[in-house]
């Protein structure tokens, strides 16, 4: 199984975001109740590998139609703001 790509990330305040692209090796989505990007954090410096586009390593949103055994099956996802929180915009309740 290949991990889905973070196709776009609108959360420019994230330490892994450069030019609206995620550069974390893999992110985690959710906390069972909310589809937020659990990997998001802000820092004065940018991090991650600038040559890598992020992937979804784990998803805790078991009620998402793209989730199978806590693994995302969507071909790619988009992360963006929902009420000032970094959320998976691809999340869709089953």
Protein backbone atom coordinates (compact mmCIF):
# COMPACT_ATOMS: atom_id res chain seq x y z
CA UNK A 1 0.00 0.00 0.00
CA UNK A 2 1.25 3.45 -0.86
CA UNK A 3 0.63 6.35 1.49
CA UNK A 4 -1.57 9.11 0.05
CA UNK A 5 0.15 12.36 -0.90
CA UNK A 6 -0.65 15.65 0.82
CA UNK A 7 -1.59 17.28 -2.48
CA UNK A 8 -1.79 20.77 -0.99
CA UNK A 9 -1.51 22.41 2.41
CA UNK A 10 -2.99 25.86 2.92
CA UNK A 11 -1.71 26.10 6.51
CA UNK A 12 1.32 28.29 5.92
CA UNK A 13 1.93 28.74 9.66
CA UNK A 14 2.95 25.08 9.95
CA UNK A 15 6.65 24.39 10.42
CA UNK A 16 6.47 21.74 7.66
CA UNK A 17 4.79 24.05 5.12
CA UNK A 18 6.89 25.80 2.48
CA UNK A 19 5.18 27.38 -0.52
CA UNK A 20 1.86 25.75 0.45
CA UNK A 21 3.37 22.27 0.26
CA UNK A 22 3.82 19.82 3.12
CA UNK A 23 7.39 18.62 3.61
CA UNK A 24 6.87 16.28 6.59
CA UNK A 25 7.72 12.72 5.64
CA UNK A 26 4.33 11.56 6.92
CA UNK A 27 1.48 13.22 8.81
CA UNK A 28 -1.19 11.91 11.16
CA UNK A 29 -4.80 13.01 10.79
CA UNK A 30 -7.38 13.18 13.55
CA UNK A 31 -7.97 12.46 17.18
CA UNK A 32 -11.06 10.24 16.74
CA UNK A 33 -13.43 13.22 17.10
CA UNK A 34 -11.95 15.83 14.74
CA UNK A 35 -10.10 15.55 11.40
CA UNK A 36 -7.29 17.94 12.27
CA UNK A 37 -3.70 17.58 11.12
CA UNK A 38 -2.16 16.11 14.25
CA UNK A 39 1.34 16.82 12.87
CA UNK A 40 0.76 20.59 12.62
CA UNK A 41 2.85 22.88 14.79
CA UNK A 42 4.27 26.33 14.31
CA UNK A 43 7.90 27.24 14.86
CA UNK A 44 10.16 30.15 13.95
CA UNK A 45 12.06 27.96 11.45
CA UNK A 46 10.78 25.66 8.71
CA UNK A 47 11.43 21.93 8.90
CA UNK A 48 10.95 18.70 7.04
CA UNK A 49 12.73 17.63 3.90
CA UNK A 50 12.31 20.25 1.17
CA UNK A 51 12.79 17.58 -1.52
CA UNK A 52 9.89 15.46 -0.22
CA UNK A 53 6.15 15.99 -0.51
CA UNK A 54 4.30 14.84 2.61
CA UNK A 55 2.18 11.71 2.83
CA UNK A 56 -0.54 10.53 5.19
CA UNK A 57 1.03 8.00 7.52
CA UNK A 58 -1.98 7.41 9.77
CA UNK A 59 -5.58 8.55 10.08
CA UNK A 60 -7.49 8.18 13.34
CA UNK A 61 -10.83 9.18 11.73
CA UNK A 62 -12.42 5.72 11.52
CA UNK A 63 -15.72 7.24 10.37
CA UNK A 64 -14.17 8.71 7.19
CA UNK A 65 -15.16 7.04 3.93
CA UNK A 66 -11.46 6.96 2.93
CA UNK A 67 -10.34 5.21 6.15
CA UNK A 68 -9.62 1.47 6.28
CA UNK A 69 -8.11 0.16 9.51
CA UNK A 70 -6.81 3.66 10.39
CA UNK A 71 -5.05 4.02 7.03
CA UNK A 72 -6.13 6.62 4.48
CA UNK A 73 -7.15 5.16 1.12
CA UNK A 74 -7.76 8.47 -0.68
CA UNK A 75 -5.43 9.03 -3.64
CA UNK A 76 -4.38 12.35 -2.10
CA UNK A 77 -5.58 14.85 0.50
CA UNK A 78 -5.69 18.58 1.04
CA UNK A 79 -5.03 20.22 4.40
CA UNK A 80 -6.47 23.64 5.13
CA UNK A 81 -8.17 25.82 7.69
CA UNK A 82 -11.55 25.03 9.22
CA UNK A 83 -12.39 27.55 11.95
CA UNK A 84 -8.70 28.41 12.51
CA UNK A 85 -7.66 24.75 12.82
CA UNK A 86 -5.46 22.78 10.42
CA UNK A 87 -7.86 20.13 9.11
CA UNK A 88 -7.96 17.42 6.48
CA UNK A 89 -10.31 18.94 3.90
CA UNK A 90 -10.65 15.54 2.19
CA UNK A 91 -12.30 14.05 5.30
CA UNK A 92 -15.77 12.80 4.44
CA UNK A 93 -17.97 10.96 6.96
CA UNK A 94 -18.99 7.50 5.76
